[in-house]
Amino acid sequence: MIRIGCILALCAAPALAAETGKGDFVYVSDLAAQGFTPFATSSTGGATFGMQNGADLYLCFIADNMTDSAIRQQALVAELNGENPDRTVPNIPVACVLTQ
């Protein structure tokens, strides 16, 4: 009986992989506005965290660039040094991908 279960499980894996679809990524702010709530992840696929609403699960990734990161870094260092910098900095984009 255990052998049959193992064989069925191994045979099903390629079929599931073939059914993987495609979809647009969404920003975490959009998911939050739709009632999704965050959940912790391990470092699964490099995800920072996940968002869930019922059975719908998204893994979320930081989608930043070096230029914007440097601007934020400079503003924070200036603040820590008491230089009262311009507090307007680029947001950190977080893109989420639907899991299947």
PDB file of N, CA and C in Angstrom:
ATOM      1  N   MET A   1       0.826  -1.194   0.000  1.00  0.00           N
ATOM      2  CA  MET A   1       0.000   0.000   0.000  1.00  0.00           C
ATOM      3  C   MET A   1       0.874   1.264   0.000  1.00  0.00           C
ATOM      4  N   ILE A   2       1.951   1.263   0.781  1.00  0.00           N
ATOM      5  CA  ILE A   2       2.841   2.419   0.822  1.00  0.00           C
ATOM      6  C   ILE A   2       3.504   2.623  -0.535  1.00  0.00           C
ATOM      7  N   ARG A   3       3.895   1.526  -1.183  1.00  0.00           N
ATOM      8  CA  ARG A   3       4.519   1.634  -2.501  1.00  0.00           C
ATOM      9  C   ARG A   3       3.597   2.300  -3.508  1.00  0.00           C
ATOM     10  N   ILE A   4       2.337   1.909  -3.505  1.00  0.00           N
ATOM     11  CA  ILE A   4       1.381   2.475  -4.458  1.00  0.00           C
ATOM     12  C   ILE A   4       1.228   3.976  -4.216  1.00  0.00           C
ATOM     13  N   GLY A   5       1.143   4.384  -2.945  1.00  0.00           N
ATOM     14  CA  GLY A   5       1.033   5.804  -2.613  1.00  0.00           C
ATOM     15  C   GLY A   5       2.242   6.585  -3.085  1.00  0.00           C
ATOM     16  N   CYS A   6       3.435   6.035  -2.897  1.00  0.00           N
ATOM     17  CA  CYS A   6       4.662   6.697  -3.338  1.00  0.00           C
ATOM     18  C   CYS A   6       4.706   6.816  -4.857  1.00  0.00           C
ATOM     19  N   ILE A   7       4.316   5.760  -5.552  1.00  0.00           N
ATOM     20  CA  ILE A   7       4.317   5.781  -7.017  1.00  0.00           C
ATOM     21  C   ILE A   7       3.328   6.818  -7.527  1.00  0.00           C
ATOM     22  N   LEU A   8       2.141   6.872  -6.939  1.00  0.00           N
ATOM     23  CA  LEU A   8       1.148   7.866  -7.357  1.00  0.00           C
ATOM     24  C   LEU A   8       1.642   9.284  -7.110  1.00  0.00           C
ATOM     25  N   ALA A   9       2.291   9.496  -5.980  1.00  0.00           N
ATOM     26  CA  ALA A   9       2.810  10.821  -5.659  1.00  0.00           C
ATOM     27  C   ALA A   9       3.881  11.234  -6.657  1.00  0.00           C
ATOM     28  N   LEU A  10       4.765  10.337  -7.018  1.00  0.00           N
ATOM     29  CA  LEU A  10       5.823  10.652  -7.970  1.00  0.00           C
ATOM     30  C   LEU A  10       5.263  10.889  -9.369  1.00  0.00           C
ATOM     31  N   CYS A  11       4.255  10.168  -9.743  1.00  0.00           N
ATOM     32  CA  CYS A  11       3.654  10.340 -11.065  1.00  0.00           C
ATOM     33  C   CYS A  11       2.873  11.654 -11.157  1.00  0.00           C
ATOM     34  N   ALA A  12       2.314  12.101 -10.065  1.00  0.00           N
ATOM     35  CA  ALA A  12       1.514  13.329 -10.079  1.00  0.00           C
ATOM     36  C   ALA A  12       2.382  14.570 -10.182  1.00  0.00           C
ATOM     37  N   ALA A  13       3.602  14.548  -9.688  1.00  0.00           N
ATOM     38  CA  ALA A  13       4.464  15.730  -9.668  1.00  0.00           C
ATOM     39  C   ALA A  13       4.683  16.336 -11.052  1.00  0.00           C
ATOM     40  N   PRO A  14       5.043  15.546 -12.086  1.00  0.00           N
ATOM     41  CA  PRO A  14       5.228  16.158 -13.409  1.00  0.00           C
ATOM     42  C   PRO A  14       3.936  16.743 -13.968  1.00  0.00           C
ATOM     43  N   ALA A  15       2.818  16.147 -13.677  1.00  0.00           N
ATOM     44  CA  ALA A  15       1.544  16.659 -14.179  1.00  0.00           C
ATOM     45  C   ALA A  15       1.252  18.028 -13.578  1.00  0.00           C
ATOM     46  N   LEU A  16       1.526  18.209 -12.307  1.00  0.00           N
ATOM     47  CA  LEU A  16       1.299  19.503 -11.665  1.00  0.00           C
ATOM     48  C   LEU A  16       2.220  20.563 -12.243  1.00  0.00           C
ATOM     49  N   ALA A  17       3.474  20.226 -12.483  1.00  0.00           N
ATOM     50  CA  ALA A  17       4.425  21.185 -13.034  1.00  0.00           C
ATOM     51  C   ALA A  17       3.994  21.655 -14.416  1.00  0.00           C
ATOM     52  N   ALA A  18       3.383  20.788 -15.196  1.00  0.00           N
ATOM     53  CA  ALA A  18       2.953  21.138 -16.542  1.00  0.00           C
ATOM     54  C   ALA A  18       1.772  22.102 -16.524  1.00  0.00           C
ATOM     55  N   GLU A  19       1.033  22.169 -15.431  1.00  0.00           N
ATOM     56  CA  GLU A  19      -0.161  23.005 -15.342  1.00  0.00           C
ATOM     57  C   GLU A  19       0.112  24.409 -14.801  1.00  0.00           C
ATOM     58  N   THR A  20       1.358  24.738 -14.539  1.00  0.00           N
ATOM     59  CA  THR A  20       1.675  26.044 -13.980  1.00  0.00           C
ATOM     60  C   THR A  20       1.275  27.138 -14.955  1.00  0.00           C
ATOM     61  N   GLY A  21       0.498  28.085 -14.461  1.00  0.00           N
ATOM     62  CA  GLY A  21       0.022  29.170 -15.311  1.00  0.00           C
ATOM     63  C   GLY A  21       0.914  30.393 -15.213  1.00  0.00           C
ATOM     64  N   LYS A  22       0.440  31.492 -15.767  1.00  0.00           N
ATOM     65  CA  LYS A  22       1.149  32.761 -15.717  1.00  0.00           C
ATOM     66  C   LYS A  22       0.173  33.836 -15.279  1.00  0.00           C
ATOM     67  N   GLY A  23       0.699  34.858 -14.631  1.00  0.00           N
ATOM     68  CA  GLY A  23      -0.133  35.969 -14.215  1.00  0.00           C
ATOM     69  C   GLY A  23       0.716  37.198 -13.960  1.00  0.00           C
ATOM     70  N   ASP A  24       0.071  38.322 -13.906  1.00  0.00           N
ATOM     71  CA  ASP A  24       0.776  39.573 -13.620  1.00  0.00           C
ATOM     72  C   ASP A  24       1.150  39.638 -12.149  1.00  0.00           C
ATOM     73  N   PHE A  25       2.288  40.240 -11.845  1.00  0.00           N
ATOM     74  CA  PHE A  25       2.620  40.500 -10.449  1.00  0.00           C
ATOM     75  C   PHE A  25       1.755  41.668  -9.985  1.00  0.00           C
ATOM     76  N   VAL A  26       1.590  41.784  -8.687  1.00  0.00           N
ATOM     77  CA  VAL A  26       0.841  42.903  -8.102  1.00  0.00           C
ATOM     78  C   VAL A  26       1.671  43.506  -6.983  1.00  0.00           C
ATOM     79  N   TYR A  27       1.393  44.738  -6.665  1.00  0.00           N
ATOM     80  CA  TYR A  27       2.102  45.385  -5.563  1.00  0.00           C
ATOM     81  C   TYR A  27       1.429  45.039  -4.248  1.00  0.00           C
ATOM     82  N   VAL A  28       2.219  44.955  -3.208  1.00  0.00           N
ATOM     83  CA  VAL A  28       1.704  44.560  -1.898  1.00  0.00           C
ATOM     84  C   VAL A  28       0.615  45.515  -1.426  1.00  0.00           C
ATOM     85  N   SER A  29       0.717  46.788  -1.766  1.00  0.00           N
ATOM     86  CA  SER A  29      -0.304  47.758  -1.354  1.00  0.00           C
ATOM     87  C   SER A  29      -1.659  47.425  -1.969  1.00  0.00           C
ATOM     88  N   ASP A  30      -1.658  46.914  -3.213  1.00  0.00           N
ATOM     89  CA  ASP A  30      -2.914  46.514  -3.851  1.00  0.00           C
ATOM     90  C   ASP A  30      -3.542  45.335  -3.113  1.00  0.00           C
ATOM     91  N   LEU A  31      -2.702  44.354  -2.735  1.00  0.00           N
ATOM     92  CA  LEU A  31      -3.218  43.196  -2.014  1.00  0.00           C
ATOM     93  C   LEU A  31      -3.771  43.601  -0.650  1.00  0.00           C
ATOM     94  N   ALA A  32      -3.075  44.485   0.043  1.00  0.00           N
ATOM     95  CA  ALA A  32      -3.545  44.937   1.353  1.00  0.00           C
ATOM     96  C   ALA A  32      -4.901  45.635   1.219  1.00  0.00           C
ATOM     97  N   ALA A  33      -5.059  46.425   0.169  1.00  0.00           N
ATOM     98  CA  ALA A  33      -6.339  47.117  -0.058  1.00  0.00           C
ATOM     99  C   ALA A  33      -7.465  46.133  -0.351  1.00  0.00           C
ATOM    100  N   GLN A  34      -7.129  44.942  -0.862  1.00  0.00           N
ATOM    101  CA  GLN A  34      -8.128  43.919  -1.174  1.00  0.00           C
ATOM    102  C   GLN A  34      -8.395  42.999   0.020  1.00  0.00           C
ATOM    103  N   GLY A  35      -7.774  43.268   1.165  1.00  0.00           N
ATOM    104  CA  GLY A  35      -8.037  42.474   2.360  1.00  0.00           C
ATOM    105  C   GLY A  35      -7.064  41.335   2.606  1.00  0.00           C
ATOM    106  N   PHE A  36      -5.996  41.254   1.821  1.00  0.00           N
ATOM    107  CA  PHE A  36      -4.988  40.226   2.065  1.00  0.00           C
ATOM    108  C   PHE A  36      -4.218  40.570   3.339  1.00  0.00           C
ATOM    109  N   THR A  37      -3.779  39.557   4.045  1.00  0.00           N
ATOM    110  CA  THR A  37      -2.999  39.762   5.259  1.00  0.00           C
ATOM    111  C   THR A  37      -1.633  39.097   5.099  1.00  0.00           C
ATOM    112  N   PRO A  38      -0.611  39.667   5.735  1.00  0.00           N
ATOM    113  CA  PRO A  38       0.743  39.122   5.598  1.00  0.00           C
ATOM    114  C   PRO A  38       0.938  37.842   6.404  1.00  0.00           C
ATOM    115  N   PHE A  39       1.853  37.014   5.922  1.00  0.00           N
ATOM    116  CA  PHE A  39       2.281  35.847   6.689  1.00  0.00           C
ATOM    117  C   PHE A  39       3.789  35.675   6.491  1.00  0.00           C
ATOM    118  N   ALA A  40       4.417  35.091   7.482  1.00  0.00           N
ATOM    119  CA  ALA A  40       5.869  34.896   7.437  1.00  0.00           C
ATOM    120  C   ALA A  40       6.221  33.741   6.518  1.00  0.00           C
ATOM    121  N   THR A  41       7.371  33.844   5.893  1.00  0.00           N
ATOM    122  CA  THR A  41       7.892  32.761   5.055  1.00  0.00           C
ATOM    123  C   THR A  41       9.322  32.466   5.479  1.00  0.00           C
ATOM    124  N   SER A  42       9.791  31.308   5.082  1.00  0.00           N
ATOM    125  CA  SER A  42      11.224  31.065   5.189  1.00  0.00           C
ATOM    126  C   SER A  42      11.829  31.801   3.998  1.00  0.00           C
ATOM    127  N   SER A  43      13.003  31.501   3.618  1.00  0.00           N
ATOM    128  CA  SER A  43      13.591  32.182   2.458  1.00  0.00           C
ATOM    129  C   SER A  43      13.162  31.506   1.159  1.00  0.00           C
ATOM    130  N   THR A  44      11.947  31.010   1.116  1.00  0.00           N
ATOM    131  CA  THR A  44      11.396  30.311  -0.035  1.00  0.00           C
ATOM    132  C   THR A  44      11.530  31.154  -1.299  1.00  0.00           C
ATOM    133  N   GLY A  45      12.343  30.717  -2.198  1.00  0.00           N
ATOM    134  CA  GLY A  45      12.493  31.411  -3.467  1.00  0.00           C
ATOM    135  C   GLY A  45      12.947  32.846  -3.341  1.00  0.00           C
ATOM    136  N   GLY A  46      13.496  33.228  -2.201  1.00  0.00           N
ATOM    137  CA  GLY A  46      13.945  34.598  -1.991  1.00  0.00           C
ATOM    138  C   GLY A  46      12.846  35.553  -1.574  1.00  0.00           C
ATOM    139  N   ALA A  47      11.666  35.038  -1.261  1.00  0.00           N
ATOM    140  CA  ALA A  47      10.548  35.898  -0.857  1.00  0.00           C
ATOM    141  C   ALA A  47      10.826  36.537   0.498  1.00  0.00           C
ATOM    142  N   THR A  48      10.366  37.768   0.671  1.00  0.00           N
ATOM    143  CA  THR A  48      10.503  38.476   1.930  1.00  0.00           C
ATOM    144  C   THR A  48       9.395  38.083   2.898  1.00  0.00           C
ATOM    145  N   PHE A  49       8.174  37.947   2.380  1.00  0.00           N
ATOM    146  CA  PHE A  49       7.008  37.527   3.166  1.00  0.00           C
ATOM    147  C   PHE A  49       5.925  37.129   2.181  1.00  0.00           C
ATOM    148  N   GLY A  50       4.783  36.724   2.679  1.00  0.00           N
ATOM    149  CA  GLY A  50       3.672  36.365   1.814  1.00  0.00           C
ATOM    150  C   GLY A  50       2.426  37.134   2.196  1.00  0.00           C
ATOM    151  N   MET A  51       1.438  37.113   1.304  1.00  0.00           N
ATOM    152  CA  MET A  51       0.134  37.721   1.554  1.00  0.00           C
ATOM    153  C   MET A  51      -0.919  36.669   1.249  1.00  0.00           C
ATOM    154  N   GLN A  52      -1.951  36.586   2.124  1.00  0.00           N
ATOM    155  CA  GLN A  52      -2.961  35.550   1.995  1.00  0.00           C
ATOM    156  C   GLN A  52      -4.356  36.119   2.164  1.00  0.00           C
ATOM    157  N   ASN A  53      -5.265  35.585   1.362  1.00  0.00           N
ATOM    158  CA  ASN A  53      -6.691  35.868   1.510  1.00  0.00           C
ATOM    159  C   ASN A  53      -7.399  34.568   1.150  1.00  0.00           C
ATOM    160  N   GLY A  54      -7.843  33.851   2.161  1.00  0.00           N
ATOM    161  CA  GLY A  54      -8.439  32.536   1.923  1.00  0.00           C
ATOM    162  C   GLY A  54      -7.404  31.590   1.347  1.00  0.00           C
ATOM    163  N   ALA A  55      -7.732  30.974   0.220  1.00  0.00           N
ATOM    164  CA  ALA A  55      -6.813  30.032  -0.422  1.00  0.00           C
ATOM    165  C   ALA A  55      -5.819  30.728  -1.355  1.00  0.00           C
ATOM    166  N   ASP A  56      -5.991  32.023  -1.590  1.00  0.00           N
ATOM    167  CA  ASP A  56      -5.083  32.760  -2.475  1.00  0.00           C
ATOM    168  C   ASP A  56      -3.830  33.162  -1.710  1.00  0.00           C
ATOM    169  N   LEU A  57      -2.684  32.726  -2.211  1.00  0.00           N
ATOM    170  CA  LEU A  57      -1.395  33.027  -1.586  1.00  0.00           C
ATOM    171  C   LEU A  57      -0.472  33.703  -2.587  1.00  0.00           C
ATOM    172  N   TYR A  58       0.164  34.770  -2.155  1.00  0.00           N
ATOM    173  CA  TYR A  58       1.170  35.456  -2.953  1.00  0.00           C
ATOM    174  C   TYR A  58       2.477  35.455  -2.180  1.00  0.00           C
ATOM    175  N   LEU A  59       3.595  35.272  -2.873  1.00  0.00           N
ATOM    176  CA  LEU A  59       4.910  35.476  -2.279  1.00  0.00           C
ATOM    177  C   LEU A  59       5.394  36.841  -2.739  1.00  0.00           C
ATOM    178  N   CYS A  60       5.971  37.605  -1.805  1.00  0.00           N
ATOM    179  CA  CYS A  60       6.319  38.996  -2.085  1.00  0.00           C
ATOM    180  C   CYS A  60       7.832  39.201  -2.042  1.00  0.00           C
ATOM    181  N   PHE A  61       8.313  40.014  -2.985  1.00  0.00           N
ATOM    182  CA  PHE A  61       9.742  40.244  -3.173  1.00  0.00           C
ATOM    183  C   PHE A  61      10.021  41.740  -3.247  1.00  0.00           C
ATOM    184  N   ILE A  62      11.132  42.175  -2.666  1.00  0.00           N
ATOM    185  CA  ILE A  62      11.551  43.568  -2.793  1.00  0.00           C
ATOM    186  C   ILE A  62      12.044  43.766  -4.220  1.00  0.00           C
ATOM    187  N   ALA A  63      11.529  44.783  -4.874  1.00  0.00           N
ATOM    188  CA  ALA A  63      11.868  45.062  -6.276  1.00  0.00           C
ATOM    189  C   ALA A  63      12.550  46.424  -6.369  1.00  0.00           C
ATOM    190  N   ASP A  64      13.565  46.633  -5.562  1.00  0.00           N
ATOM    191  CA  ASP A  64      14.249  47.920  -5.440  1.00  0.00           C
ATOM    192  C   ASP A  64      15.361  48.049  -6.475  1.00  0.00           C
ATOM    193  N   ASN A  65      15.890  49.254  -6.616  1.00  0.00           N
ATOM    194  CA  ASN A  65      17.069  49.466  -7.452  1.00  0.00           C
ATOM    195  C   ASN A  65      18.131  50.220  -6.650  1.00  0.00           C
ATOM    196  N   MET A  66      19.342  50.173  -7.115  1.00  0.00           N
ATOM    197  CA  MET A  66      20.480  50.736  -6.379  1.00  0.00           C
ATOM    198  C   MET A  66      20.386  52.255  -6.215  1.00  0.00           C
ATOM    199  N   THR A  67      19.879  52.951  -7.215  1.00  0.00           N
ATOM    200  CA  THR A  67      19.792  54.410  -7.140  1.00  0.00           C
ATOM    201  C   THR A  67      18.853  54.849  -6.023  1.00  0.00           C
ATOM    202  N   ASP A  68      17.644  54.279  -5.993  1.00  0.00           N
ATOM    203  CA  ASP A  68      16.678  54.643  -4.955  1.00  0.00           C
ATOM    204  C   ASP A  68      17.170  54.228  -3.572  1.00  0.00           C
ATOM    205  N   SER A  69      17.806  53.085  -3.497  1.00  0.00           N
ATOM    206  CA  SER A  69      18.356  52.621  -2.222  1.00  0.00           C
ATOM    207  C   SER A  69      19.405  53.594  -1.699  1.00  0.00           C
ATOM    208  N   ALA A  70      20.260  54.097  -2.592  1.00  0.00           N
ATOM    209  CA  ALA A  70      21.307  55.045  -2.195  1.00  0.00           C
ATOM    210  C   ALA A  70      20.703  56.361  -1.701  1.00  0.00           C
ATOM    211  N   ILE A  71      19.639  56.813  -2.341  1.00  0.00           N
ATOM    212  CA  ILE A  71      18.968  58.054  -1.917  1.00  0.00           C
ATOM    213  C   ILE A  71      18.420  57.890  -0.495  1.00  0.00           C
ATOM    214  N   ARG A  72      17.768  56.757  -0.228  1.00  0.00           N
ATOM    215  CA  ARG A  72      17.242  56.511   1.123  1.00  0.00           C
ATOM    216  C   ARG A  72      18.374  56.435   2.141  1.00  0.00           C
ATOM    217  N   GLN A  73      19.438  55.750   1.775  1.00  0.00           N
ATOM    218  CA  GLN A  73      20.591  55.601   2.674  1.00  0.00           C
ATOM    219  C   GLN A  73      21.176  56.963   3.036  1.00  0.00           C
ATOM    220  N   GLN A  74      21.364  57.826   2.037  1.00  0.00           N
ATOM    221  CA  GLN A  74      21.921  59.156   2.282  1.00  0.00           C
ATOM    222  C   GLN A  74      21.024  59.975   3.207  1.00  0.00           C
ATOM    223  N   ALA A  75      19.725  59.912   2.989  1.00  0.00           N
ATOM    224  CA  ALA A  75      18.791  60.671   3.832  1.00  0.00           C
ATOM    225  C   ALA A  75      18.819  60.170   5.268  1.00  0.00           C
ATOM    226  N   LEU A  76      18.880  58.859   5.459  1.00  0.00           N
ATOM    227  CA  LEU A  76      18.898  58.303   6.819  1.00  0.00           C
ATOM    228  C   LEU A  76      20.200  58.630   7.546  1.00  0.00           C
ATOM    229  N   VAL A  77      21.316  58.554   6.840  1.00  0.00           N
ATOM    230  CA  VAL A  77      22.608  58.904   7.461  1.00  0.00           C
ATOM    231  C   VAL A  77      22.624  60.382   7.824  1.00  0.00           C
ATOM    232  N   ALA A  78      22.121  61.236   6.942  1.00  0.00           N
ATOM    233  CA  ALA A  78      22.065  62.669   7.239  1.00  0.00           C
ATOM    234  C   ALA A  78      21.189  62.929   8.466  1.00  0.00           C
ATOM    235  N   GLU A  79      20.074  62.221   8.571  1.00  0.00           N
ATOM    236  CA  GLU A  79      19.194  62.375   9.736  1.00  0.00           C
ATOM    237  C   GLU A  79      19.913  61.968  11.014  1.00  0.00           C
ATOM    238  N   LEU A  80      20.612  60.840  10.968  1.00  0.00           N
ATOM    239  CA  LEU A  80      21.350  60.377  12.149  1.00  0.00           C
ATOM    240  C   LEU A  80      22.465  61.342  12.537  1.00  0.00           C
ATOM    241  N   ASN A  81      23.011  62.069  11.560  1.00  0.00           N
ATOM    242  CA  ASN A  81      24.066  63.052  11.832  1.00  0.00           C
ATOM    243  C   ASN A  81      23.501  64.420  12.200  1.00  0.00           C
ATOM    244  N   GLY A  82      22.180  64.528  12.323  1.00  0.00           N
ATOM    245  CA  GLY A  82      21.551  65.780  12.723  1.00  0.00           C
ATOM    246  C   GLY A  82      21.553  66.849  11.653  1.00  0.00           C
ATOM    247  N   GLU A  83      21.631  66.461  10.393  1.00  0.00           N
ATOM    248  CA  GLU A  83      21.704  67.434   9.307  1.00  0.00           C
ATOM    249  C   GLU A  83      20.347  67.815   8.737  1.00  0.00           C
ATOM    250  N   ASN A  84      19.255  67.289   9.286  1.00  0.00           N
ATOM    251  CA  ASN A  84      17.897  67.595   8.839  1.00  0.00           C
ATOM    252  C   ASN A  84      17.757  67.548   7.318  1.00  0.00           C
ATOM    253  N   PRO A  85      17.854  66.368   6.733  1.00  0.00           N
ATOM    254  CA  PRO A  85      17.765  66.247   5.270  1.00  0.00           C
ATOM    255  C   PRO A  85      16.325  66.377   4.782  1.00  0.00           C
ATOM    256  N   ASP A  86      16.198  66.446   3.466  1.00  0.00           N
ATOM    257  CA  ASP A  86      14.879  66.359   2.844  1.00  0.00           C
ATOM    258  C   ASP A  86      14.339  64.971   3.180  1.00  0.00           C
ATOM    259  N   ARG A  87      13.172  64.906   3.780  1.00  0.00           N
ATOM    260  CA  ARG A  87      12.628  63.626   4.237  1.00  0.00           C
ATOM    261  C   ARG A  87      11.892  62.868   3.136  1.00  0.00           C
ATOM    262  N   THR A  88      11.799  63.456   1.948  1.00  0.00           N
ATOM    263  CA  THR A  88      11.126  62.789   0.843  1.00  0.00           C
ATOM    264  C   THR A  88      12.101  61.815   0.185  1.00  0.00           C
ATOM    265  N   VAL A  89      11.772  60.534   0.268  1.00  0.00           N
ATOM    266  CA  VAL A  89      12.625  59.490  -0.301  1.00  0.00           C
ATOM    267  C   VAL A  89      11.759  58.549  -1.138  1.00  0.00           C
ATOM    268  N   PRO A  90      12.369  57.829  -2.075  1.00  0.00           N
ATOM    269  CA  PRO A  90      11.605  56.873  -2.879  1.00  0.00           C
ATOM    270  C   PRO A  90      11.063  55.732  -2.018  1.00  0.00           C
ATOM    271  N   ASN A  91       9.842  55.316  -2.302  1.00  0.00           N
ATOM    272  CA  ASN A  91       9.268  54.149  -1.637  1.00  0.00           C
ATOM    273  C   ASN A  91      10.031  52.895  -2.050  1.00  0.00           C
ATOM    274  N   ILE A  92       9.898  51.846  -1.261  1.00  0.00           N
ATOM    275  CA  ILE A  92      10.498  50.562  -1.596  1.00  0.00           C
ATOM    276  C   ILE A  92       9.413  49.715  -2.261  1.00  0.00           C
ATOM    277  N   PRO A  93       9.548  49.429  -3.549  1.00  0.00           N
ATOM    278  CA  PRO A  93       8.527  48.629  -4.220  1.00  0.00           C
ATOM    279  C   PRO A  93       8.606  47.162  -3.792  1.00  0.00           C
ATOM    280  N   VAL A  94       7.458  46.586  -3.490  1.00  0.00           N
ATOM    281  CA  VAL A  94       7.368  45.166  -3.149  1.00  0.00           C
ATOM    282  C   VAL A  94       6.354  44.558  -4.104  1.00  0.00           C
ATOM    283  N   ALA A  95       6.825  43.640  -4.951  1.00  0.00           N
ATOM    284  CA  ALA A  95       5.968  42.968  -5.920  1.00  0.00           C
ATOM    285  C   ALA A  95       5.641  41.573  -5.435  1.00  0.00           C
ATOM    286  N   CYS A  96       4.401  41.146  -5.632  1.00  0.00           N
ATOM    287  CA  CYS A  96       3.953  39.847  -5.165  1.00  0.00           C
ATOM    288  C   CYS A  96       3.498  38.986  -6.345  1.00  0.00           C
ATOM    289  N   VAL A  97       3.806  37.699  -6.256  1.00  0.00           N
ATOM    290  CA  VAL A  97       3.514  36.757  -7.327  1.00  0.00           C
ATOM    291  C   VAL A  97       2.594  35.661  -6.786  1.00  0.00           C
ATOM    292  N   LEU A  98       1.532  35.375  -7.516  1.00  0.00           N
ATOM    293  CA  LEU A  98       0.573  34.351  -7.136  1.00  0.00           C
ATOM    294  C   LEU A  98       1.253  32.983  -7.117  1.00  0.00           C
ATOM    295  N   THR A  99       0.974  32.191  -6.088  1.00  0.00           N
ATOM    296  CA  THR A  99       1.500  30.837  -6.018  1.00  0.00           C
ATOM    297  C   THR A  99       0.435  29.850  -6.472  1.00  0.00           C
ATOM    298  N   GLN A 100       0.882  28.688  -6.909  1.00  0.00           N
ATOM    299  CA  GLN A 100      -0.061  27.647  -7.333  1.00  0.00           C
ATOM    300  C   GLN A 100       0.293  26.357  -6.655  1.00  0.00           C
TER     301      GLN A 100
END
